[in-house]
Each structure stands twice: as structure tokens, then as C-alpha cells.
Amino acid sequence: MPNEPLNVLFICSRNQWRSPTAETVWRNHPDLQVRSVGTSSSARRRLSADDIRWAHAVFVMENKHRSRLKAEFGDVIADRPIHVLDIPDEYQYMDPELVDLLKASVGSILGLE
């Protein structure tokens, strides 16, 4: 029987460049189901408690995103690992350097190629 895929949630501020890039990079990995959301009220897709409940692993781009998660969703996020990638908001969607950073950091944390 095949293993269930790991649900991975990528979070940035506006869900415009970084988290959608992460979603695109990891979308076709056979062991993952991925989503991307933003913490800002102006995000293209705004983070909800349901997103957190769905996720087995949560990746945020900056420490401020982790702080916001804990402030807004503390009870829901309590038992989920939150990984801070330390990727500043200075990349465009699918920027090659951003893609490389995401492949290396997320792959390393999740033990994936």
C-alpha cells in the first residue's frame, strides 16, 4: 500500500512571489501535496485555520510569518512543525535563485531530492 503524501504548506506575505514559487517547484513531487498562502489581508490566497489543519509541515519565508501564525492561529499551529526558510522578499515569481534556494532548503528539511 503506498504511503500517504505529505501535506506541505508554504507561507509568505502576499502569496505573490515566494510561496507560489515554492508551490510550483514542489507541486509535481510524488510524495507531496502542496499549497501556498499569504498572511496579509491583501494576499491572493489568505491563510486560514483549515490550511494549517490540512498541513503536516509548514514552511514560512521569514520569522515575521511564524510570529503572525502563532499570534493568529496559536491553538491550531501548536502541534505543527514550522520551518523558517529565511528567504527575504526580494525575488520575483520563479526567479532561478529563489527556485534553487527552495529546492535546497525544503529538500534538505524534508529529506527529499
N, C-alpha and C. Protein backbone atom coordinates (compact mmCIF):
# COMPACT_ATOMS: atom_id res chain seq x y z
N MET A 1 0.84 -1.19 0.00
CA MET A 1 0.00 0.00 0.00
C MET A 1 0.89 1.25 0.00
N PRO A 2 0.65 2.21 -0.88
CA PRO A 2 1.53 3.38 -0.96
C PRO A 2 1.37 4.29 0.26
N ASN A 3 2.45 5.00 0.58
CA ASN A 3 2.39 5.97 1.67
C ASN A 3 1.51 7.14 1.27
N GLU A 4 0.86 7.71 2.26
CA GLU A 4 0.09 8.93 2.01
C GLU A 4 1.06 10.07 1.72
N PRO A 5 0.69 10.98 0.81
CA PRO A 5 1.57 12.12 0.57
C PRO A 5 1.63 13.04 1.79
N LEU A 6 2.73 13.74 1.91
CA LEU A 6 2.92 14.72 2.97
C LEU A 6 2.30 16.04 2.52
N ASN A 7 1.42 16.60 3.33
CA ASN A 7 0.80 17.89 3.00
C ASN A 7 1.71 19.02 3.48
N VAL A 8 2.18 19.83 2.54
CA VAL A 8 3.13 20.90 2.83
C VAL A 8 2.52 22.24 2.48
N LEU A 9 2.57 23.15 3.45
CA LEU A 9 2.01 24.49 3.27
C LEU A 9 3.15 25.51 3.23
N PHE A 10 3.17 26.33 2.17
CA PHE A 10 4.17 27.39 2.03
C PHE A 10 3.49 28.73 2.27
N ILE A 11 4.13 29.56 3.12
CA ILE A 11 3.51 30.83 3.52
C ILE A 11 4.49 31.98 3.32
N CYS A 12 4.01 33.04 2.65
CA CYS A 12 4.74 34.30 2.61
C CYS A 12 3.73 35.41 2.95
N SER A 13 3.99 36.63 2.57
CA SER A 13 3.10 37.72 2.95
C SER A 13 1.89 37.83 2.04
N ARG A 14 2.13 38.08 0.76
CA ARG A 14 1.03 38.36 -0.16
C ARG A 14 0.68 37.20 -1.08
N ASN A 15 1.36 36.06 -0.92
CA ASN A 15 1.12 34.90 -1.78
C ASN A 15 1.25 35.30 -3.25
N GLN A 16 2.32 36.06 -3.50
CA GLN A 16 2.51 36.59 -4.85
C GLN A 16 3.76 36.03 -5.52
N TRP A 17 4.89 35.99 -4.82
CA TRP A 17 6.14 35.55 -5.44
C TRP A 17 6.73 34.31 -4.79
N ARG A 18 7.04 34.40 -3.50
CA ARG A 18 7.82 33.32 -2.86
C ARG A 18 7.02 32.04 -2.64
N SER A 19 5.89 32.13 -1.95
CA SER A 19 5.15 30.88 -1.68
C SER A 19 4.57 30.26 -2.96
N PRO A 20 4.06 31.04 -3.93
CA PRO A 20 3.63 30.39 -5.17
C PRO A 20 4.79 29.73 -5.93
N THR A 21 5.98 30.32 -5.85
CA THR A 21 7.14 29.68 -6.47
C THR A 21 7.42 28.35 -5.79
N ALA A 22 7.38 28.33 -4.47
CA ALA A 22 7.60 27.08 -3.73
C ALA A 22 6.55 26.04 -4.12
N GLU A 23 5.31 26.47 -4.24
CA GLU A 23 4.24 25.55 -4.63
C GLU A 23 4.52 24.98 -6.02
N THR A 24 4.93 25.83 -6.94
CA THR A 24 5.23 25.38 -8.31
C THR A 24 6.42 24.42 -8.33
N VAL A 25 7.47 24.76 -7.58
CA VAL A 25 8.68 23.93 -7.54
C VAL A 25 8.36 22.52 -7.03
N TRP A 26 7.54 22.42 -6.00
CA TRP A 26 7.29 21.13 -5.35
C TRP A 26 5.98 20.46 -5.76
N ARG A 27 5.21 21.11 -6.61
CA ARG A 27 3.87 20.63 -6.99
C ARG A 27 3.86 19.21 -7.54
N ASN A 28 4.84 18.85 -8.34
CA ASN A 28 4.82 17.55 -9.01
C ASN A 28 5.62 16.46 -8.29
N HIS A 29 6.07 16.75 -7.07
CA HIS A 29 6.81 15.72 -6.33
C HIS A 29 5.82 14.63 -5.90
N PRO A 30 6.15 13.36 -6.19
CA PRO A 30 5.18 12.28 -5.94
C PRO A 30 4.83 12.07 -4.47
N ASP A 31 5.69 12.52 -3.55
CA ASP A 31 5.43 12.29 -2.12
C ASP A 31 4.78 13.47 -1.43
N LEU A 32 4.47 14.53 -2.18
CA LEU A 32 3.95 15.76 -1.57
C LEU A 32 2.63 16.21 -2.17
N GLN A 33 1.82 16.84 -1.33
CA GLN A 33 0.70 17.68 -1.76
C GLN A 33 1.06 19.06 -1.24
N VAL A 34 0.98 20.08 -2.07
CA VAL A 34 1.43 21.40 -1.64
C VAL A 34 0.36 22.47 -1.87
N ARG A 35 0.43 23.49 -1.02
CA ARG A 35 -0.42 24.67 -1.14
C ARG A 35 0.44 25.88 -0.78
N SER A 36 0.03 27.05 -1.29
CA SER A 36 0.68 28.28 -0.87
C SER A 36 -0.38 29.30 -0.49
N VAL A 37 -0.04 30.07 0.54
CA VAL A 37 -0.95 31.10 1.06
C VAL A 37 -0.13 32.28 1.56
N GLY A 38 -0.83 33.38 1.85
CA GLY A 38 -0.17 34.56 2.41
C GLY A 38 -0.81 34.96 3.73
N THR A 39 -0.04 35.69 4.55
CA THR A 39 -0.54 36.15 5.85
C THR A 39 -1.25 37.49 5.76
N SER A 40 -0.98 38.25 4.72
CA SER A 40 -1.53 39.60 4.60
C SER A 40 -3.01 39.58 4.22
N SER A 41 -3.73 40.61 4.64
CA SER A 41 -5.14 40.72 4.25
C SER A 41 -5.27 40.94 2.75
N SER A 42 -4.18 41.38 2.11
CA SER A 42 -4.21 41.60 0.66
C SER A 42 -3.63 40.41 -0.12
N ALA A 43 -3.43 39.28 0.56
CA ALA A 43 -2.86 38.10 -0.11
C ALA A 43 -3.81 37.58 -1.18
N ARG A 44 -3.22 37.03 -2.24
CA ARG A 44 -4.03 36.42 -3.30
C ARG A 44 -4.85 35.27 -2.71
N ARG A 45 -4.23 34.46 -1.88
CA ARG A 45 -4.95 33.40 -1.16
C ARG A 45 -4.55 33.53 0.30
N ARG A 46 -5.49 33.89 1.13
CA ARG A 46 -5.23 34.20 2.54
C ARG A 46 -5.21 32.92 3.39
N LEU A 47 -4.25 32.86 4.29
CA LEU A 47 -4.10 31.74 5.21
C LEU A 47 -5.36 31.57 6.06
N SER A 48 -5.79 30.31 6.22
CA SER A 48 -6.93 30.00 7.09
C SER A 48 -6.55 28.89 8.06
N ALA A 49 -7.35 28.73 9.09
CA ALA A 49 -7.12 27.65 10.05
C ALA A 49 -7.22 26.29 9.35
N ASP A 50 -8.09 26.19 8.34
CA ASP A 50 -8.22 24.93 7.60
C ASP A 50 -6.92 24.57 6.88
N ASP A 51 -6.22 25.58 6.34
CA ASP A 51 -4.93 25.32 5.69
C ASP A 51 -3.96 24.70 6.69
N ILE A 52 -3.92 25.25 7.89
CA ILE A 52 -2.99 24.74 8.91
C ILE A 52 -3.39 23.33 9.33
N ARG A 53 -4.68 23.09 9.51
CA ARG A 53 -5.14 21.75 9.88
C ARG A 53 -4.78 20.72 8.80
N TRP A 54 -4.83 21.15 7.54
CA TRP A 54 -4.52 20.27 6.41
C TRP A 54 -3.03 19.90 6.39
N ALA A 55 -2.17 20.82 6.80
CA ALA A 55 -0.72 20.68 6.63
C ALA A 55 -0.07 19.77 7.66
N HIS A 56 0.84 18.92 7.17
CA HIS A 56 1.71 18.14 8.05
C HIS A 56 2.96 18.95 8.39
N ALA A 57 3.41 19.78 7.43
CA ALA A 57 4.61 20.62 7.61
C ALA A 57 4.31 22.00 7.07
N VAL A 58 4.76 23.01 7.78
CA VAL A 58 4.53 24.41 7.40
C VAL A 58 5.87 25.09 7.18
N PHE A 59 6.02 25.72 6.02
CA PHE A 59 7.22 26.49 5.71
C PHE A 59 6.84 27.96 5.58
N VAL A 60 7.54 28.81 6.34
CA VAL A 60 7.35 30.25 6.22
C VAL A 60 8.63 30.86 5.68
N MET A 61 8.50 31.97 4.98
CA MET A 61 9.68 32.58 4.36
C MET A 61 10.52 33.38 5.35
N GLU A 62 9.86 33.99 6.36
CA GLU A 62 10.57 34.85 7.30
C GLU A 62 10.03 34.63 8.72
N ASN A 63 10.83 35.03 9.72
CA ASN A 63 10.41 34.92 11.11
C ASN A 63 9.10 35.64 11.39
N LYS A 64 8.88 36.78 10.71
CA LYS A 64 7.64 37.54 10.95
C LYS A 64 6.40 36.71 10.59
N HIS A 65 6.53 35.81 9.63
CA HIS A 65 5.40 34.95 9.26
C HIS A 65 5.11 33.94 10.37
N ARG A 66 6.17 33.40 10.97
CA ARG A 66 5.98 32.47 12.09
C ARG A 66 5.32 33.19 13.26
N SER A 67 5.77 34.40 13.54
CA SER A 67 5.18 35.18 14.63
C SER A 67 3.70 35.43 14.38
N ARG A 68 3.37 35.77 13.14
CA ARG A 68 1.97 36.04 12.78
C ARG A 68 1.12 34.77 12.93
N LEU A 69 1.68 33.65 12.50
CA LEU A 69 0.98 32.37 12.66
C LEU A 69 0.66 32.09 14.12
N LYS A 70 1.67 32.24 14.97
CA LYS A 70 1.48 31.96 16.39
C LYS A 70 0.48 32.93 17.02
N ALA A 71 0.51 34.19 16.58
CA ALA A 71 -0.41 35.19 17.13
C ALA A 71 -1.86 34.93 16.69
N GLU A 72 -2.05 34.60 15.42
CA GLU A 72 -3.40 34.46 14.88
C GLU A 72 -3.96 33.05 15.01
N PHE A 73 -3.09 32.04 14.97
CA PHE A 73 -3.55 30.65 14.93
C PHE A 73 -2.83 29.78 15.96
N GLY A 74 -2.49 30.36 17.10
CA GLY A 74 -1.68 29.66 18.10
C GLY A 74 -2.21 28.29 18.49
N ASP A 75 -3.53 28.20 18.71
CA ASP A 75 -4.11 26.92 19.14
C ASP A 75 -4.06 25.88 18.03
N VAL A 76 -4.20 26.31 16.78
CA VAL A 76 -4.22 25.39 15.64
C VAL A 76 -2.80 24.96 15.26
N ILE A 77 -1.85 25.89 15.35
CA ILE A 77 -0.49 25.65 14.87
C ILE A 77 0.36 24.92 15.92
N ALA A 78 -0.13 24.82 17.13
CA ALA A 78 0.69 24.35 18.26
C ALA A 78 1.41 23.03 17.99
N ASP A 79 0.75 22.08 17.32
CA ASP A 79 1.36 20.77 17.13
C ASP A 79 1.98 20.58 15.75
N ARG A 80 2.11 21.65 14.98
CA ARG A 80 2.68 21.55 13.63
C ARG A 80 4.11 22.10 13.62
N PRO A 81 5.02 21.39 12.94
CA PRO A 81 6.35 21.98 12.80
C PRO A 81 6.31 23.17 11.85
N ILE A 82 6.95 24.26 12.26
CA ILE A 82 7.06 25.45 11.41
C ILE A 82 8.53 25.65 11.08
N HIS A 83 8.84 25.61 9.79
CA HIS A 83 10.21 25.79 9.34
C HIS A 83 10.36 27.18 8.73
N VAL A 84 11.31 27.95 9.26
CA VAL A 84 11.58 29.29 8.73
C VAL A 84 12.70 29.17 7.71
N LEU A 85 12.42 29.58 6.47
CA LEU A 85 13.41 29.44 5.38
C LEU A 85 14.36 30.64 5.27
N ASP A 86 14.04 31.75 5.94
CA ASP A 86 14.88 32.95 5.87
C ASP A 86 15.12 33.41 4.45
N ILE A 87 14.05 33.50 3.68
CA ILE A 87 14.12 33.98 2.30
C ILE A 87 13.45 35.34 2.24
N PRO A 88 14.25 36.41 2.04
CA PRO A 88 13.69 37.76 2.03
C PRO A 88 12.81 38.02 0.82
N ASP A 89 11.98 39.04 0.93
CA ASP A 89 11.04 39.39 -0.14
C ASP A 89 11.74 40.22 -1.20
N GLU A 90 12.67 39.58 -1.92
CA GLU A 90 13.41 40.31 -2.95
C GLU A 90 13.50 39.52 -4.25
N TYR A 91 12.59 38.57 -4.41
CA TYR A 91 12.59 37.73 -5.61
C TYR A 91 11.26 37.85 -6.34
N GLN A 92 11.33 37.67 -7.66
CA GLN A 92 10.12 37.59 -8.47
C GLN A 92 9.70 36.13 -8.56
N TYR A 93 8.48 35.89 -9.05
CA TYR A 93 7.98 34.54 -9.22
C TYR A 93 8.92 33.73 -10.13
N MET A 94 9.32 32.56 -9.67
CA MET A 94 10.18 31.62 -10.39
C MET A 94 11.57 32.17 -10.70
N ASP A 95 12.04 33.14 -9.94
CA ASP A 95 13.42 33.62 -10.04
C ASP A 95 14.33 32.41 -9.86
N PRO A 96 15.29 32.20 -10.77
CA PRO A 96 16.15 31.00 -10.68
C PRO A 96 16.86 30.85 -9.33
N GLU A 97 17.29 31.97 -8.74
CA GLU A 97 17.96 31.90 -7.44
C GLU A 97 16.97 31.46 -6.36
N LEU A 98 15.75 31.97 -6.42
CA LEU A 98 14.71 31.58 -5.47
C LEU A 98 14.39 30.08 -5.62
N VAL A 99 14.27 29.62 -6.85
CA VAL A 99 14.00 28.20 -7.12
C VAL A 99 15.10 27.33 -6.50
N ASP A 100 16.36 27.71 -6.70
CA ASP A 100 17.48 26.96 -6.14
C ASP A 100 17.43 26.93 -4.61
N LEU A 101 17.14 28.10 -4.01
CA LEU A 101 17.05 28.19 -2.54
C LEU A 101 15.95 27.26 -2.02
N LEU A 102 14.80 27.29 -2.67
CA LEU A 102 13.67 26.48 -2.23
C LEU A 102 13.94 24.99 -2.39
N LYS A 103 14.55 24.61 -3.50
CA LYS A 103 14.87 23.20 -3.71
C LYS A 103 15.83 22.71 -2.64
N ALA A 104 16.87 23.48 -2.39
CA ALA A 104 17.89 23.07 -1.43
C ALA A 104 17.34 23.03 0.00
N SER A 105 16.69 24.10 0.43
CA SER A 105 16.26 24.20 1.84
C SER A 105 15.11 23.25 2.14
N VAL A 106 14.07 23.26 1.34
CA VAL A 106 12.91 22.39 1.59
C VAL A 106 13.32 20.93 1.41
N GLY A 107 14.07 20.65 0.36
CA GLY A 107 14.53 19.28 0.13
C GLY A 107 15.34 18.74 1.29
N SER A 108 16.21 19.58 1.84
CA SER A 108 17.05 19.18 2.96
C SER A 108 16.20 18.91 4.20
N ILE A 109 15.27 19.81 4.50
CA ILE A 109 14.44 19.67 5.70
C ILE A 109 13.55 18.43 5.61
N LEU A 110 12.98 18.19 4.44
CA LEU A 110 12.07 17.05 4.27
C LEU A 110 12.77 15.77 3.85
N GLY A 111 14.08 15.86 3.60
CA GLY A 111 14.84 14.68 3.19
C GLY A 111 14.46 14.19 1.80
N LEU A 112 14.23 15.14 0.88
CA LEU A 112 13.82 14.81 -0.48
C LEU A 112 14.89 15.23 -1.48
N GLU A 113 14.84 14.63 -2.63
CA GLU A 113 15.74 15.01 -3.73
C GLU A 113 15.07 16.04 -4.60
